Amino acid sequence: MADTYDILIIGGGPGGYVAAIRAAQLGFKTAVVEREHMGGICLNWGCIPTKALLRSAEVFHYAERGDNYGLKIAKPDFDIGAVVKRSRGVSAQLNGGVAGLMKKNKIDVIWGQAKLSKAGKGGPVEVVVGEPSKPAVQPQNPVPKGVLGHGTYKAKHVIVATGARPRVLPGIEADGERIWTYFEAMKPQAMPKSLIVMGSGAIGIEFASFYRTMGAEVTVVELLPQILPVEDAEIAAVARKQFEKQGMKILSDAKVAKVAKTGEGVEVTVEQGGKSQVLRAEKLISAVGVQGNTEGLNLEGVGVAVERGLVKVDAYGRTNVEGVYAIGDVAGAPMLAHKAEHEGTICVEKIKGLDAHPMKRTQIPGCTYCQPQVASVGLTEAKAKEEGREVKVGRFRFIGNGKAIALGEPDGMVKTVFDAKTGELLGAHMVGAEVTELIQGFVIAMGLETTEEELMHTVFPHPTLSEMMHESVLDAYGKVIHM
């Protein structure tokens, strides 16, 4: 029957569409239910378009500093409308690419809001699909076999991959005018002269970096003592120093107690160290995390365990209800697109009966595309010590690297953490130019269980930034050369 599938996936984001492609490759009759747009938040409102914005900011940053490179560049300027248009164009191009992948792999795309109506007890899972959210994207991106619409569909296996959305705090709800989430921050109608960013995780810092580079006065308010709270404290401190050098104001260990809208923007009451102050700006960006999209799916109605807004799953994405699975942001941290993609592959391969290996969460890299970039994988120094491990720590600063100096990027650091007894690489942490590209070298090393000795015997090309990775390892064992 046309409405019966082997695997039906709810959500067309990175986790969902990758799971669908892998399912099709393994011979499963597959469908994806999507209520808004293929590619999910990452492709349409997150990873990809923000990187396009940040690239524009990076080029502007270098144009302003042409004299540093012996170049004569007239005072650079920008058109924020054109910057946003480029970002949206990049997103639209990749959105259409995902639709093409669905067609290539003969995956049905069903447009609409899905909810589970029946699951468990050995029978097929039933999914009711209603009207799509607006604006739907069908007119822009043709889907295979025509547009499949609302109705009831059955599948042996249903994978929930509905992602997450910005967390909203009571009294600080986004209005699209003065108070923004990342949705509004990504497509400003005009460049604000000043803004306050609430939260210094990856999302908050990326937007703070973008707007500061483009000339806005930016203040970041962070509840915890450390900005970039999931990063190694030493790396976060180096990043903070650079942000403040650029003119960004940062208030850590500070709480937003009240937000009031004014005719000119917002007044934000901040409590810090027992004192209170009022900050004023044109805009406030709320970047206090995300929450899973579980509403409207009827998960509890069919018995699926949900805890704190996230679906409880095992290492293979299986829920407590037979035939129902969950992957990606809706299944918990870390809420990263590449984690969702890998989870989708693991889940489908387990359904097929292949020898799927559970993902090692300590080996999932994290990247923040601010100026300077931040990237990491594995345990921080503090976390490793918390676990009772004796560690050896290596550090190498960009100022000691020839390529970094030639690039005009002498500020940054590479830090490595090893188990002192076994030589196991426990974690790697970086801040500086292009570290989001460098980090994968350490990810591969960890995946292959590479020891410090093997890393020290590896030849790194010269002149490259990657040499700092080698030097950091050498430093952990008292053998550093260029520092």
Protein backbone atom coordinates (compact mmCIF):
# COMPACT_ATOMS: atom_id res chain seq x y z
CA MET A 1 0.00 0.00 0.00
CA ALA A 2 1.18 3.52 -0.79
CA ASP A 3 0.68 4.64 2.81
CA THR A 4 2.75 1.84 4.40
CA TYR A 5 6.51 2.12 4.90
CA ASP A 6 9.36 0.20 6.46
CA ILE A 7 10.74 3.37 8.05
CA LEU A 8 8.97 6.69 8.44
CA ILE A 9 10.94 9.63 9.82
CA ILE A 10 9.31 12.64 11.43
CA GLY A 11 11.50 15.65 10.70
CA GLY A 12 13.64 16.53 7.68
CA GLY A 13 16.61 18.10 9.47
CA PRO A 14 20.19 16.76 9.44
CA GLY A 15 19.33 13.73 11.57
CA GLY A 16 16.11 12.96 9.72
CA TYR A 17 17.22 13.30 6.12
CA VAL A 18 20.52 11.46 6.74
CA ALA A 19 18.62 8.62 8.44
CA ALA A 20 16.26 8.52 5.47
CA ILE A 21 19.08 8.29 2.94
CA ARG A 22 20.82 5.54 4.88
CA ALA A 23 17.51 3.67 5.20
CA ALA A 24 16.96 3.88 1.44
CA GLN A 25 20.51 2.66 0.82
CA LEU A 26 19.76 -0.39 2.97
CA GLY A 27 16.66 -1.23 0.95
CA PHE A 28 13.95 0.12 3.25
CA LYS A 29 10.86 1.75 1.80
CA THR A 30 11.26 5.17 3.39
CA ALA A 31 9.35 8.40 3.92
CA VAL A 32 10.07 11.69 5.66
CA VAL A 33 7.33 13.82 7.21
CA GLU A 34 8.28 17.51 7.31
CA ARG A 35 6.05 20.36 8.44
CA GLU A 36 8.08 23.36 7.25
CA HIS A 37 11.28 22.96 5.25
CA MET A 38 13.79 20.26 4.40
CA GLY A 39 17.13 20.65 6.15
CA GLY A 40 15.62 21.65 9.47
CA ILE A 41 16.89 24.43 11.72
CA CYS A 42 20.55 23.74 10.89
CA LEU A 43 20.28 24.36 7.19
CA ASN A 44 17.56 27.02 7.23
CA TRP A 45 18.07 28.98 10.46
CA GLY A 46 21.19 27.66 12.18
CA CYS A 47 24.51 26.17 11.17
CA ILE A 48 24.63 27.13 7.50
CA PRO A 49 23.10 30.63 7.26
CA THR A 50 24.90 31.81 10.42
CA LYS A 51 28.21 30.72 8.92
CA ALA A 52 27.37 32.71 5.79
CA LEU A 53 26.74 35.78 7.97
CA LEU A 54 29.96 35.20 9.89
CA ARG A 55 31.90 34.83 6.65
CA SER A 56 30.68 38.26 5.56
CA ALA A 57 31.77 39.63 8.94
CA GLU A 58 35.18 37.96 8.58
CA VAL A 59 35.78 39.48 5.14
CA PHE A 60 34.68 42.89 6.49
CA HIS A 61 37.08 42.42 9.44
CA TYR A 62 40.03 41.84 7.11
CA ALA A 63 39.03 44.65 4.76
CA GLU A 64 39.09 47.08 7.68
CA ARG A 65 42.62 45.89 8.50
CA GLY A 66 44.08 45.97 5.00
CA ASP A 67 46.97 48.14 6.19
CA ASN A 68 48.16 45.21 8.33
CA TYR A 69 48.81 43.30 5.10
CA GLY A 70 50.32 46.14 3.10
CA LEU A 71 47.08 46.75 1.23
CA LYS A 72 45.41 50.07 0.51
CA ILE A 73 41.66 49.60 0.84
CA ALA A 74 39.25 52.52 0.92
CA LYS A 75 37.12 52.64 4.05
CA PRO A 76 34.98 49.50 3.72
CA ASP A 77 31.25 49.54 4.24
CA PHE A 78 28.46 47.00 4.02
CA ASP A 79 24.84 46.61 2.99
CA ILE A 80 23.14 44.56 5.71
CA GLY A 81 20.31 43.71 3.34
CA ALA A 82 22.77 42.22 0.87
CA VAL A 83 24.58 40.36 3.66
CA VAL A 84 21.30 38.77 4.79
CA LYS A 85 20.28 38.06 1.19
CA ARG A 86 23.52 36.16 0.60
CA SER A 87 22.98 34.14 3.78
CA ARG A 88 19.42 33.24 2.80
CA GLY A 89 20.58 32.35 -0.72
CA VAL A 90 23.15 29.89 0.62
CA SER A 91 20.43 28.31 2.76
CA ALA A 92 17.98 28.09 -0.18
CA GLN A 93 20.60 26.44 -2.39
CA LEU A 94 21.30 23.71 0.15
CA ASN A 95 17.60 23.32 0.94
CA GLY A 96 16.98 22.47 -2.70
CA GLY A 97 19.95 20.09 -2.56
CA VAL A 98 18.32 18.07 0.22
CA ALA A 99 15.12 17.84 -1.81
CA GLY A 100 17.21 16.52 -4.69
CA LEU A 101 18.76 13.88 -2.45
CA MET A 102 15.29 12.72 -1.45
CA LYS A 103 14.35 12.32 -5.10
CA LYS A 104 17.62 10.58 -5.98
CA ASN A 105 17.11 8.02 -3.21
CA LYS A 106 13.40 7.52 -3.99
CA ILE A 107 12.29 8.74 -0.57
CA ASP A 108 8.73 10.00 -0.25
CA VAL A 109 8.35 13.42 1.36
CA ILE A 110 5.07 14.00 3.19
CA TRP A 111 4.30 17.61 4.02
CA GLY A 112 2.46 18.24 7.27
CA GLN A 113 2.41 18.11 11.05
CA ALA A 114 2.75 14.51 12.26
CA LYS A 115 1.57 12.82 15.42
CA LEU A 116 1.64 9.22 16.56
CA SER A 117 -1.79 7.64 16.83
CA LYS A 118 -0.85 4.03 17.57
CA ALA A 119 2.37 2.26 18.59
CA GLY A 120 3.63 -0.84 20.36
CA LYS A 121 1.98 -4.25 20.86
CA GLY A 122 3.84 -5.75 17.91
CA GLY A 123 1.87 -3.98 15.19
CA PRO A 124 2.87 -1.19 12.81
CA VAL A 125 3.17 2.33 14.13
CA GLU A 126 0.46 4.67 12.84
CA VAL A 127 1.17 8.32 12.12
CA VAL A 128 -1.49 10.92 11.35
CA VAL A 129 -0.28 13.83 9.24
CA GLY A 130 -2.16 17.10 9.30
CA GLU A 131 -1.67 20.40 7.54
CA PRO A 132 1.90 21.73 7.17
CA SER A 133 3.08 24.76 9.12
CA LYS A 134 3.24 28.05 7.30
CA PRO A 135 5.18 29.09 5.40
CA ALA A 136 5.62 25.69 3.76
CA VAL A 137 8.35 25.39 1.17
CA GLN A 138 6.78 23.05 -1.38
CA PRO A 139 6.53 25.68 -4.14
CA GLN A 140 10.31 26.33 -3.91
CA ASN A 141 11.48 22.74 -3.68
CA PRO A 142 9.63 20.10 -5.69
CA VAL A 143 9.39 16.75 -3.90
CA PRO A 144 9.32 13.27 -5.45
CA LYS A 145 6.07 11.66 -6.59
CA GLY A 146 4.14 14.85 -6.11
CA VAL A 147 3.34 16.32 -2.71
CA LEU A 148 2.04 13.69 -0.35
CA GLY A 149 -0.40 15.31 2.02
CA HIS A 150 -2.30 14.75 5.22
CA GLY A 151 -3.69 11.33 6.07
CA THR A 152 -2.79 8.24 8.08
CA TYR A 153 0.45 6.39 7.36
CA LYS A 154 1.80 3.14 8.77
CA ALA A 155 5.38 2.03 9.29
CA LYS A 156 7.23 -0.81 10.98
CA HIS A 157 9.60 1.74 12.44
CA VAL A 158 9.09 5.45 13.14
CA ILE A 159 12.05 7.70 13.95
CA VAL A 160 11.30 11.01 15.68
CA ALA A 161 13.81 13.64 14.52
CA THR A 162 11.92 16.85 15.21
CA GLY A 163 14.85 18.86 16.55
CA ALA A 164 14.65 21.78 18.94
CA ARG A 165 13.77 25.47 19.10
CA PRO A 166 14.98 28.49 21.11
CA ARG A 167 14.20 28.33 24.81
CA VAL A 168 11.92 31.16 25.90
CA LEU A 169 12.09 32.59 29.42
CA PRO A 170 8.90 34.00 30.97
CA GLY A 171 8.75 37.76 30.58
CA ILE A 172 11.45 37.74 27.90
CA GLU A 173 9.43 36.40 24.99
CA ALA A 174 10.64 37.39 21.54
CA ASP A 175 8.50 39.98 19.79
CA GLY A 176 10.51 40.21 16.56
CA GLU A 177 11.10 43.92 17.19
CA ARG A 178 13.08 44.62 20.33
CA ILE A 179 13.60 41.08 21.66
CA TRP A 180 15.06 38.52 19.27
CA THR A 181 15.84 34.82 19.21
CA TYR A 182 18.31 33.55 16.64
CA PHE A 183 15.49 33.53 14.05
CA GLU A 184 15.19 37.31 14.12
CA ALA A 185 18.91 37.92 14.72
CA MET A 186 19.67 36.11 11.48
CA LYS A 187 17.72 38.48 9.25
CA PRO A 188 17.87 42.04 10.62
CA GLN A 189 16.10 44.67 8.58
CA ALA A 190 18.71 47.19 9.68
CA MET A 191 21.95 47.02 11.62
CA PRO A 192 21.30 47.89 15.28
CA LYS A 193 23.71 50.32 16.87
CA SER A 194 23.62 48.44 20.16
CA LEU A 195 22.43 45.11 21.47
CA ILE A 196 22.56 42.89 24.54
CA VAL A 197 23.10 39.16 24.19
CA MET A 198 21.72 37.03 27.00
CA GLY A 199 23.72 33.79 27.12
CA SER A 200 27.30 33.05 26.05
CA GLY A 201 26.99 29.56 24.61
CA ALA A 202 27.83 28.92 20.96
CA ILE A 203 24.70 30.65 19.61
CA GLY A 204 25.03 33.73 21.80
CA ILE A 205 28.74 34.20 21.19
CA GLU A 206 28.45 33.71 17.43
CA PHE A 207 25.83 36.45 17.17
CA ALA A 208 27.73 38.67 19.58
CA SER A 209 30.81 38.24 17.41
CA PHE A 210 28.93 38.93 14.17
CA TYR A 211 27.27 42.12 15.36
CA ARG A 212 30.38 43.44 17.11
CA THR A 213 32.50 42.86 13.99
CA MET A 214 29.92 44.73 11.94
CA GLY A 215 30.18 47.70 14.29
CA ALA A 216 27.40 47.34 16.86
CA GLU A 217 28.02 47.98 20.56
CA VAL A 218 27.58 44.53 22.14
CA THR A 219 27.17 43.47 25.76
CA VAL A 220 27.06 39.78 26.68
CA VAL A 221 25.39 38.73 29.94
CA GLU A 222 26.23 35.24 31.20
CA LEU A 223 24.70 33.63 34.30
CA LEU A 224 27.73 31.42 34.98
CA PRO A 225 31.21 32.63 35.99
CA GLN A 226 32.71 31.43 32.67
CA ILE A 227 31.65 32.36 29.16
CA LEU A 228 31.43 29.47 26.68
CA PRO A 229 30.54 27.28 29.68
CA VAL A 230 31.10 23.89 28.02
CA GLU A 231 34.64 24.77 26.94
CA ASP A 232 37.90 24.35 28.82
CA ALA A 233 38.25 27.26 31.26
CA GLU A 234 41.69 28.25 29.96
CA ILE A 235 40.48 28.35 26.35
CA ALA A 236 37.38 30.34 27.33
CA ALA A 237 39.60 32.87 29.11
CA VAL A 238 41.77 33.35 25.99
CA ALA A 239 38.63 33.82 23.89
CA ARG A 240 37.17 36.31 26.37
CA LYS A 241 40.33 38.38 26.32
CA GLN A 242 40.12 38.63 22.52
CA PHE A 243 36.40 39.49 22.56
CA GLU A 244 37.01 42.28 25.06
CA LYS A 245 39.99 43.51 23.03
CA GLN A 246 37.56 43.89 20.12
CA GLY A 247 35.35 46.11 22.28
CA MET A 248 32.77 43.54 23.39
CA LYS A 249 31.52 44.06 26.94
CA ILE A 250 31.08 40.86 28.95
CA LEU A 251 29.28 40.49 32.27
CA SER A 252 29.72 36.98 33.71
CA ASP A 253 28.27 35.57 36.92
CA ALA A 254 25.43 37.97 36.15
CA LYS A 255 21.66 37.50 36.03
CA VAL A 256 19.08 39.23 33.87
CA ALA A 257 16.46 40.11 36.45
CA LYS A 258 14.08 42.19 34.34
CA VAL A 259 13.55 43.28 30.75
CA ALA A 260 11.46 46.32 29.90
CA LYS A 261 10.67 47.56 26.41
CA THR A 262 11.07 51.24 25.68
CA GLY A 263 10.41 53.45 22.70
CA GLU A 264 14.07 53.23 21.72
CA GLY A 265 14.69 49.56 22.54
CA VAL A 266 15.08 47.67 25.80
CA GLU A 267 16.14 48.31 29.38
CA VAL A 268 17.71 45.24 30.97
CA THR A 269 18.20 45.04 34.72
CA VAL A 270 21.26 42.94 35.51
CA GLU A 271 22.24 41.67 38.96
CA GLN A 272 25.91 40.97 39.53
CA GLY A 273 27.91 40.61 42.74
CA GLY A 274 25.05 41.82 44.91
CA LYS A 275 24.63 44.97 42.85
CA SER A 276 22.10 45.92 40.20
CA GLN A 277 22.54 47.94 37.02
CA VAL A 278 20.34 48.87 34.08
CA LEU A 279 21.67 48.31 30.56
CA ARG A 280 20.08 49.98 27.54
CA ALA A 281 20.24 48.85 23.92
CA GLU A 282 18.22 48.77 20.72
CA LYS A 283 17.86 44.97 20.74
CA LEU A 284 18.11 42.02 23.09
CA ILE A 285 19.06 38.59 21.75
CA SER A 286 17.86 35.76 23.99
CA ALA A 287 20.30 32.87 23.56
CA VAL A 288 19.68 30.84 26.69
CA GLY A 289 19.60 27.43 25.03
CA VAL A 290 17.08 25.33 23.14
CA GLN A 291 14.30 22.89 24.00
CA GLY A 292 13.12 19.77 22.21
CA ASN A 293 10.18 19.82 19.81
CA THR A 294 7.99 17.16 21.42
CA GLU A 295 4.68 19.02 21.49
CA GLY A 296 1.89 17.80 19.23
CA LEU A 297 3.51 14.41 18.55
CA ASN A 298 1.31 12.53 21.06
CA LEU A 299 4.41 10.75 22.40
CA GLU A 300 3.04 10.38 25.92
CA GLY A 301 -0.27 9.29 24.43
CA VAL A 302 1.31 6.16 22.96
CA GLY A 303 3.48 5.57 26.01
CA VAL A 304 6.85 7.02 24.91
CA ALA A 305 8.90 8.23 27.87
CA VAL A 306 9.67 11.95 27.77
CA GLU A 307 11.78 13.62 30.44
CA ARG A 308 12.32 17.38 30.72
CA GLY A 309 11.04 17.85 27.20
CA LEU A 310 13.38 15.28 25.65
CA VAL A 311 12.69 11.74 24.44
CA LYS A 312 14.46 9.05 26.49
CA VAL A 313 16.42 6.66 24.25
CA ASP A 314 19.12 4.02 24.48
CA ALA A 315 22.46 4.05 22.66
CA TYR A 316 20.74 3.10 19.38
CA GLY A 317 17.89 5.63 19.51
CA ARG A 318 15.29 3.13 20.73
CA THR A 319 12.56 4.43 23.02
CA ASN A 320 10.66 2.33 25.55
CA VAL A 321 7.92 1.69 22.94
CA GLU A 322 8.52 -0.95 20.28
CA GLY A 323 8.92 0.52 16.81
CA VAL A 324 9.48 4.10 17.98
CA TYR A 325 12.91 5.75 17.97
CA ALA A 326 14.31 9.26 18.46
CA ILE A 327 17.52 10.96 17.29
CA GLY A 328 19.10 14.39 17.26
CA ASP A 329 18.26 17.38 19.43
CA VAL A 330 14.93 15.96 20.56
CA ALA A 331 16.83 13.01 22.06
CA GLY A 332 19.18 15.16 24.13
CA ALA A 333 22.57 16.81 24.29
CA PRO A 334 24.88 17.59 22.73
CA MET A 335 22.49 19.36 20.40
CA LEU A 336 24.66 19.39 17.30
CA ALA A 337 23.84 18.62 13.67
CA HIS A 338 26.73 16.21 13.21
CA LYS A 339 25.68 14.29 16.29
CA ALA A 340 22.15 13.99 14.88
CA GLU A 341 23.44 12.74 11.52
CA HIS A 342 25.57 10.05 13.12
CA GLU A 343 22.74 9.00 15.44
CA GLY A 344 20.47 8.63 12.43
CA THR A 345 22.92 6.28 10.73
CA ILE A 346 23.43 4.22 13.91
CA CYS A 347 19.67 3.92 14.46
CA VAL A 348 18.90 2.75 10.93
CA GLU A 349 21.79 0.30 10.81
CA LYS A 350 20.66 -1.20 14.12
CA ILE A 351 17.15 -1.63 12.69
CA LYS A 352 18.71 -3.44 9.73
CA GLY A 353 20.54 -5.78 12.08
CA LEU A 354 24.02 -4.55 11.20
CA ASP A 355 26.83 -4.36 13.73
CA ALA A 356 26.13 -0.74 14.64
CA HIS A 357 28.47 0.83 17.17
CA PRO A 358 27.02 3.19 19.79
CA MET A 359 28.35 6.70 19.49
CA LYS A 360 31.03 7.78 21.95
CA ARG A 361 29.71 11.12 23.13
CA THR A 362 33.10 12.15 24.47
CA GLN A 363 34.36 12.06 20.88
CA ILE A 364 31.81 14.48 19.44
CA PRO A 365 33.58 17.73 18.49
CA GLY A 366 32.09 21.12 19.18
CA CYS A 367 32.79 24.26 17.14
CA THR A 368 31.98 27.92 17.69
CA TYR A 369 32.52 30.15 14.65
CA CYS A 370 33.18 33.43 16.40
CA GLN A 371 36.25 35.65 15.93
CA PRO A 372 38.49 33.97 17.14
CA GLN A 373 37.09 30.49 16.51
CA VAL A 374 36.77 27.92 19.31
CA ALA A 375 36.80 24.14 18.88
CA SER A 376 37.10 21.17 21.21
CA VAL A 377 36.63 17.45 21.68
CA GLY A 378 36.73 15.21 24.73
CA LEU A 379 37.32 16.07 28.37
CA THR A 380 38.39 19.46 29.64
CA GLU A 381 41.32 19.53 32.05
CA ALA A 382 38.95 20.18 34.95
CA LYS A 383 36.60 17.34 33.97
CA ALA A 384 39.46 14.86 33.61
CA LYS A 385 40.70 15.73 37.10
CA GLU A 386 37.14 15.53 38.41
CA GLU A 387 37.06 11.93 37.20
CA GLY A 388 40.13 11.23 39.29
CA ARG A 389 42.57 10.97 36.39
CA GLU A 390 46.19 11.98 36.61
CA VAL A 391 46.80 14.14 33.56
CA LYS A 392 49.56 15.62 31.45
CA VAL A 393 48.61 18.90 29.78
CA GLY A 394 50.25 20.47 26.74
CA ARG A 395 49.84 24.02 25.47
CA PHE A 396 51.08 25.84 22.40
CA ARG A 397 50.27 29.45 21.55
CA PHE A 398 49.74 30.75 18.04
CA ILE A 399 52.51 33.32 18.48
CA GLY A 400 55.05 30.48 18.18
CA ASN A 401 53.74 29.27 14.81
CA GLY A 402 55.14 30.65 11.55
CA LYS A 403 51.93 30.20 9.54
CA ALA A 404 49.86 31.98 12.20
CA ILE A 405 52.23 34.95 12.15
CA ALA A 406 52.21 35.02 8.33
CA LEU A 407 48.40 35.03 8.40
CA GLY A 408 48.40 37.91 10.85
CA GLU A 409 46.67 35.69 13.43
CA PRO A 410 49.12 35.42 16.35
CA ASP A 411 46.45 35.18 19.09
CA GLY A 412 45.24 31.74 20.12
CA MET A 413 46.17 28.48 21.74
CA VAL A 414 46.04 24.71 21.30
CA LYS A 415 45.68 22.65 24.48
CA THR A 416 45.83 18.87 24.84
CA VAL A 417 44.96 16.70 27.84
CA PHE A 418 46.44 13.20 28.21
CA ASP A 419 46.06 10.39 30.72
CA ALA A 420 49.46 10.41 32.45
CA LYS A 421 49.45 6.66 32.99
CA THR A 422 48.32 5.36 29.60
CA GLY A 423 49.10 8.19 27.17
CA GLU A 424 45.44 8.26 26.04
CA LEU A 425 44.35 11.54 24.49
CA LEU A 426 41.46 12.61 26.73
CA GLY A 427 40.69 15.99 25.21
CA ALA A 428 41.82 18.71 22.83
CA HIS A 429 40.83 22.36 23.02
CA MET A 430 41.61 25.23 20.66
CA VAL A 431 41.00 28.93 20.20
CA GLY A 432 42.23 30.89 17.21
CA ALA A 433 42.14 31.09 13.42
CA GLU A 434 40.72 28.06 11.56
CA VAL A 435 40.58 25.81 14.63
CA THR A 436 37.15 24.54 13.56
CA GLU A 437 38.95 22.88 10.64
CA LEU A 438 41.91 21.66 12.72
CA ILE A 439 39.92 19.90 15.46
CA GLN A 440 39.02 16.90 13.29
CA GLY A 441 42.66 15.77 13.42
CA PHE A 442 42.33 15.21 17.14
CA VAL A 443 38.88 13.64 16.70
CA ILE A 444 40.37 11.03 14.37
CA ALA A 445 43.26 10.45 16.76
CA MET A 446 40.85 9.80 19.62
CA GLY A 447 38.72 7.51 17.47
CA LEU A 448 41.77 5.44 16.56
CA GLU A 449 42.90 5.35 20.21
CA THR A 450 46.13 7.05 19.23
CA THR A 451 48.63 7.53 22.06
CA GLU A 452 50.90 10.46 22.75
CA GLU A 453 53.87 8.53 21.35
CA GLU A 454 52.15 7.94 18.01
CA LEU A 455 51.16 11.61 17.79
CA MET A 456 54.71 12.71 18.58
CA HIS A 457 56.04 10.46 15.81
CA THR A 458 53.55 11.84 13.27
CA VAL A 459 55.02 14.27 10.73
CA PHE A 460 52.97 17.47 10.38
CA PRO A 461 53.46 19.61 7.25
CA HIS A 462 55.27 22.95 7.42
CA PRO A 463 54.29 25.72 7.37
CA THR A 464 50.79 25.00 8.68
CA LEU A 465 48.64 25.80 11.67
CA SER A 466 48.44 22.06 12.28
CA GLU A 467 52.04 22.10 13.52
CA MET A 468 50.67 23.63 16.73
CA MET A 469 48.76 20.41 17.36
CA HIS A 470 52.06 18.51 17.28
CA GLU A 471 53.79 21.07 19.49
CA SER A 472 51.00 20.91 22.07
CA VAL A 473 51.46 17.15 22.34
CA LEU A 474 55.22 17.60 22.66
CA ASP A 475 54.68 20.22 25.37
CA ALA A 476 52.60 17.80 27.46
CA TYR A 477 55.67 15.57 27.67
CA GLY A 478 58.36 18.22 28.03
CA LYS A 479 59.56 18.07 24.41
CA VAL A 480 58.13 21.25 22.88
CA ILE A 481 60.42 22.78 20.24
CA HIS A 482 59.24 26.25 19.24
CA MET A 483 58.13 27.74 22.53
